[in-house]
N, C-alpha and C. Protein backbone atom coordinates (compact mmCIF):
# COMPACT_ATOMS: atom_id res chain seq x y z
N MET A 1 0.54 -1.68 -0.14
CA MET A 1 0.42 -0.10 0.03
C MET A 1 1.05 1.03 -0.29
N GLU A 2 1.21 2.32 -0.93
CA GLU A 2 1.97 3.86 -1.13
C GLU A 2 0.73 4.83 0.03
N LEU A 3 2.06 5.16 -0.09
CA LEU A 3 0.82 6.41 1.16
C LEU A 3 0.60 7.62 0.21
N GLU A 4 -0.58 8.04 0.29
CA GLU A 4 -0.56 9.02 -0.09
C GLU A 4 -1.60 10.41 0.33
N LEU A 5 0.12 11.04 0.59
CA LEU A 5 -0.38 12.63 1.54
C LEU A 5 -0.59 13.56 0.38
N GLU A 6 -1.76 14.27 0.79
CA GLU A 6 -2.08 15.77 -0.13
C GLU A 6 -2.13 16.69 0.34
N GLY A 7 -2.32 17.63 0.30
CA GLY A 7 -2.38 19.06 0.77
C GLY A 7 -2.35 19.14 2.02
N ALA A 8 -3.76 19.66 2.83
CA ALA A 8 -3.47 19.60 4.49
C ALA A 8 -2.89 18.95 4.99
N SER A 9 -2.95 17.37 4.77
CA SER A 9 -2.24 16.22 5.47
C SER A 9 -0.86 16.32 4.99
N LEU A 10 -0.21 16.50 4.37
CA LEU A 10 0.68 16.48 3.36
C LEU A 10 1.91 17.68 4.37
N LYS A 11 1.08 18.69 4.15
CA LYS A 11 1.57 19.96 4.42
C LYS A 11 2.03 20.71 6.44
N ALA A 12 1.08 19.06 6.86
CA ALA A 12 1.42 19.11 8.79
C ALA A 12 2.25 18.29 8.92
N VAL A 13 2.50 17.08 8.17
CA VAL A 13 3.35 16.11 8.35
C VAL A 13 4.28 16.33 8.63
N LEU A 14 4.54 17.51 7.06
CA LEU A 14 6.18 17.86 7.21
C LEU A 14 5.99 19.29 7.64
N ASN A 15 4.95 19.98 8.15
CA ASN A 15 5.61 20.93 8.90
C ASN A 15 6.17 20.29 10.92
N ARG A 16 6.06 19.34 11.08
CA ARG A 16 5.74 18.32 12.77
C ARG A 16 7.42 18.09 12.63
N LEU A 17 7.61 17.27 11.07
CA LEU A 17 8.50 16.31 11.34
C LEU A 17 9.82 17.76 11.42
N ARG A 18 9.18 19.13 10.97
CA ARG A 18 11.29 19.76 10.18
C ARG A 18 10.45 19.82 11.82
N ARG A 19 9.69 20.71 12.24
CA ARG A 19 9.82 20.59 13.48
C ARG A 19 10.60 20.40 14.44
N ALA A 20 10.44 19.05 15.01
CA ALA A 20 11.15 18.12 15.43
C ALA A 20 12.23 17.44 14.91
N GLN A 21 12.93 18.36 13.28
CA GLN A 21 14.20 18.32 12.86
C GLN A 21 14.46 19.27 13.94
N GLY A 22 14.03 20.56 13.93
CA GLY A 22 14.29 21.81 14.97
C GLY A 22 15.16 21.33 16.32
N GLN A 23 13.93 20.71 16.94
CA GLN A 23 13.96 20.64 18.71
C GLN A 23 15.22 19.75 18.88
N ILE A 24 15.36 18.46 17.31
CA ILE A 24 16.08 17.79 18.12
C ILE A 24 17.85 18.01 17.66
N SER A 25 18.02 19.55 17.08
CA SER A 25 18.82 19.95 16.27
C SER A 25 19.81 20.52 17.83
N GLY A 26 18.73 21.78 18.27
CA GLY A 26 18.57 22.04 19.61
C GLY A 26 19.28 21.27 20.13
N VAL A 27 18.11 20.27 21.04
CA VAL A 27 19.19 18.80 21.12
C VAL A 27 20.97 18.98 21.62
N ILE A 28 20.22 18.80 20.39
CA ILE A 28 22.85 18.48 20.11
C ILE A 28 23.36 19.54 20.30
N ARG A 29 22.69 20.91 20.12
CA ARG A 29 23.62 22.02 20.72
C ARG A 29 23.61 22.46 21.32
N MET A 30 22.21 22.07 22.14
CA MET A 30 22.58 22.61 24.12
C MET A 30 23.16 21.24 25.11
N ILE A 31 22.99 19.81 23.81
CA ILE A 31 24.94 18.67 24.64
C ILE A 31 25.63 18.90 24.59
N GLU A 32 26.38 19.60 23.62
CA GLU A 32 27.43 20.55 22.84
C GLU A 32 27.69 20.92 24.34
N GLU A 33 26.88 22.20 24.60
CA GLU A 33 27.08 23.09 25.35
C GLU A 33 27.63 22.99 26.59
N GLY A 34 27.00 21.50 26.71
CA GLY A 34 26.71 21.46 28.48
C GLY A 34 25.60 22.08 29.33
N ARG A 35 24.72 22.34 28.70
CA ARG A 35 23.42 22.68 29.24
C ARG A 35 22.63 21.81 29.52
N ASP A 36 22.03 22.88 30.61
CA ASP A 36 21.45 21.63 31.56
C ASP A 36 20.79 21.05 31.63
N CYS A 37 20.90 19.96 32.38
CA CYS A 37 19.42 18.02 31.86
C CYS A 37 18.57 18.56 31.93
N GLU A 38 17.50 19.10 32.20
CA GLU A 38 15.97 19.26 31.85
C GLU A 38 15.24 20.48 30.97
N GLU A 39 16.50 21.22 31.37
CA GLU A 39 16.41 22.35 29.41
C GLU A 39 16.89 21.15 28.01
N VAL A 40 17.72 19.48 28.89
CA VAL A 40 17.68 19.24 27.54
C VAL A 40 16.88 17.86 27.26
N VAL A 41 15.64 17.08 28.40
CA VAL A 41 14.99 16.15 28.49
C VAL A 41 13.83 17.10 27.89
N THR A 42 13.42 18.17 28.68
CA THR A 42 12.68 19.00 28.47
C THR A 42 12.51 19.28 26.47
N GLN A 43 12.97 20.03 25.73
CA GLN A 43 12.89 19.74 24.33
C GLN A 43 13.60 18.40 23.87
N LEU A 44 14.60 17.78 24.49
CA LEU A 44 13.93 17.24 24.07
C LEU A 44 12.44 15.73 23.71
N ALA A 45 11.38 15.95 24.80
CA ALA A 45 10.04 15.26 25.03
C ALA A 45 9.43 15.66 23.88
N ALA A 46 10.02 17.14 24.08
CA ALA A 46 8.92 17.72 22.61
C ALA A 46 9.20 17.69 21.36
N ALA A 47 10.59 17.21 21.04
CA ALA A 47 10.98 16.74 19.80
C ALA A 47 9.93 14.91 19.59
N SER A 48 9.99 14.32 20.64
CA SER A 48 9.51 13.02 20.80
C SER A 48 7.63 13.95 20.24
N ARG A 49 7.85 14.64 21.30
CA ARG A 49 6.27 14.88 21.16
C ARG A 49 5.54 14.95 19.20
N ALA A 50 6.02 15.72 18.17
CA ALA A 50 6.59 16.00 17.10
C ALA A 50 6.55 14.76 16.54
N LEU A 51 7.76 14.29 16.53
CA LEU A 51 7.48 12.65 15.89
C LEU A 51 5.90 12.38 16.09
N ASP A 52 5.92 11.44 17.56
CA ASP A 52 4.72 11.15 17.69
C ASP A 52 3.34 11.35 16.16
N ARG A 53 3.16 12.90 16.84
CA ARG A 53 1.90 13.39 16.41
C ARG A 53 2.25 13.55 14.15
N ALA A 54 3.45 13.06 14.10
CA ALA A 54 3.59 12.90 12.67
C ALA A 54 3.34 11.69 12.54
N GLY A 55 3.88 10.74 13.27
CA GLY A 55 3.49 9.69 12.68
C GLY A 55 1.91 8.77 12.59
N PHE A 56 1.84 10.00 13.92
CA PHE A 56 -0.38 9.24 14.07
C PHE A 56 -0.87 9.79 13.17
N ALA A 57 -0.36 10.74 12.08
CA ALA A 57 -0.91 11.83 11.06
C ALA A 57 -1.14 10.74 10.30
N ILE A 58 0.34 10.11 9.80
CA ILE A 58 0.84 9.13 8.76
C ILE A 58 -0.05 7.56 8.83
N ILE A 59 -0.59 7.51 10.05
CA ILE A 59 -1.30 6.12 9.99
C ILE A 59 -2.83 6.78 9.65
N ALA A 60 -2.85 7.56 10.56
CA ALA A 60 -4.24 8.17 10.10
C ALA A 60 -5.07 7.89 8.86
N THR A 61 -4.21 8.54 7.84
CA THR A 61 -3.91 8.80 6.56
C THR A 61 -3.85 7.40 5.51
N GLY A 62 -3.19 6.34 6.10
CA GLY A 62 -2.87 5.04 5.92
C GLY A 62 -4.41 3.93 5.78
N LEU A 63 -5.16 4.32 7.43
CA LEU A 63 -6.39 4.17 7.67
C LEU A 63 -7.57 4.20 7.67
N GLN A 64 -7.10 5.50 6.65
CA GLN A 64 -8.37 5.59 5.58
C GLN A 64 -8.25 5.64 4.74
N GLN A 65 -6.77 5.25 4.19
CA GLN A 65 -6.96 4.80 2.76
C GLN A 65 -7.16 2.96 2.27
N CYS A 66 -7.60 2.44 3.51
CA CYS A 66 -7.57 1.30 3.74
C CYS A 66 -9.26 0.56 3.32
N VAL A 67 -9.62 2.10 4.59
CA VAL A 67 -10.52 2.02 3.96
C VAL A 67 -11.18 1.90 3.29
N ALA A 68 -11.01 3.20 2.80
CA ALA A 68 -11.75 3.29 1.68
C ALA A 68 -10.96 2.29 0.26
N ASP A 69 -9.99 1.25 0.20
CA ASP A 69 -9.85 0.11 -0.53
C ASP A 69 -10.81 -0.95 0.00
N ILE A 70 -10.75 -1.11 1.03
CA ILE A 70 -11.79 -2.05 1.67
C ILE A 70 -13.21 -2.04 0.45
N GLU A 71 -13.28 -0.63 1.01
CA GLU A 71 -14.89 -0.67 1.04
C GLU A 71 -15.26 -0.40 -1.37
N SER A 72 -14.05 -0.07 -1.77
CA SER A 72 -14.66 0.61 -2.93
C SER A 72 -13.91 -1.63 -3.76
N GLY A 73 -13.47 -2.35 -2.80
CA GLY A 73 -13.46 -3.48 -2.90
C GLY A 73 -11.83 -3.57 -4.05
N ARG A 74 -11.09 -2.26 -4.44
CA ARG A 74 -9.60 -2.18 -4.74
C ARG A 74 -8.64 -3.12 -2.77
N LYS A 75 -7.43 -4.32 -2.91
CA LYS A 75 -7.41 -4.32 -2.52
C LYS A 75 -5.57 -4.61 -2.58
N ASN A 76 -5.85 -4.70 -3.89
CA ASN A 76 -4.21 -4.85 -4.13
C ASN A 76 -3.18 -6.30 -3.72
N GLY A 77 -4.49 -7.03 -3.68
CA GLY A 77 -4.29 -8.98 -3.50
C GLY A 77 -4.41 -9.63 -2.28
N GLU A 78 -4.84 -7.53 -1.25
CA GLU A 78 -4.37 -7.97 -0.36
C GLU A 78 -5.79 -8.38 0.86
N ASP A 79 -6.66 -9.75 1.43
CA ASP A 79 -7.21 -9.50 2.20
C ASP A 79 -7.68 -8.37 3.95
N ALA A 80 -8.42 -8.15 3.48
CA ALA A 80 -8.95 -6.68 3.92
C ALA A 80 -8.31 -7.46 6.08
N GLU A 81 -8.62 -8.83 6.16
CA GLU A 81 -7.79 -9.11 7.21
C GLU A 81 -6.70 -8.78 7.05
N ALA A 82 -5.33 -8.88 6.17
CA ALA A 82 -4.48 -8.47 6.81
C ALA A 82 -4.35 -7.04 6.40
N MET A 83 -4.94 -6.64 5.95
CA MET A 83 -4.67 -4.84 5.77
C MET A 83 -4.96 -4.47 7.14
N ARG A 84 -5.69 -4.88 7.94
CA ARG A 84 -6.18 -4.94 9.11
C ARG A 84 -4.37 -4.98 10.22
N ALA A 85 -4.26 -6.12 9.50
CA ALA A 85 -3.30 -5.94 11.01
C ALA A 85 -1.95 -5.61 10.68
N ARG A 86 -2.25 -5.40 9.86
CA ARG A 86 -0.56 -4.12 9.35
C ARG A 86 -0.73 -3.23 9.78
N MET A 87 -1.97 -2.42 9.60
CA MET A 87 -2.25 -1.07 10.31
C MET A 87 -1.86 -0.70 11.82
N GLU A 88 -2.63 -2.27 12.17
CA GLU A 88 -2.86 -2.59 13.13
C GLU A 88 -1.24 -2.75 14.02
N LYS A 89 -0.61 -3.65 13.24
CA LYS A 89 0.70 -3.34 13.34
C LYS A 89 1.60 -2.46 13.32
N LEU A 90 1.27 -1.10 12.40
CA LEU A 90 2.41 -0.05 12.57
C LEU A 90 1.42 1.13 13.45
N PHE A 91 0.13 1.22 13.41
CA PHE A 91 -0.37 2.17 15.07
C PHE A 91 0.58 0.80 16.50
N LEU A 92 0.29 -0.07 16.91
CA LEU A 92 1.83 -0.52 17.56
C LEU A 92 2.97 -0.62 17.74
N SER A 93 3.38 0.86 16.55
CA SER A 93 4.60 0.52 16.12
C SER A 93 5.39 1.73 16.90
N LEU A 94 4.47 2.70 17.69
CA LEU A 94 4.31 4.22 18.01
C LEU A 94 3.84 3.96 19.50
N ALA A 95 3.08 2.96 19.71
CA ALA A 95 2.40 2.99 21.26
C ALA A 95 3.16 2.94 21.86
């Protein structure tokens, strides 16, 4: 199954990933500068949340596509149960 992110969904995911990228760069810089542990962990937690949100947005899009594929009968040779199992595995990978 190919992921098809378009328009607002694509923009939102890319913005979250760019935010996380900036936060991770900030964490690296803070560690290199010997900054306070609490500040580093706070920034790292923010980056982690941004990555999680991007991941959940991607999975939500994938779920919508799976439902649309099942409803239209276009399963790409994969049965509905196999699609459900793959999406569940993806979702749990972020949990």
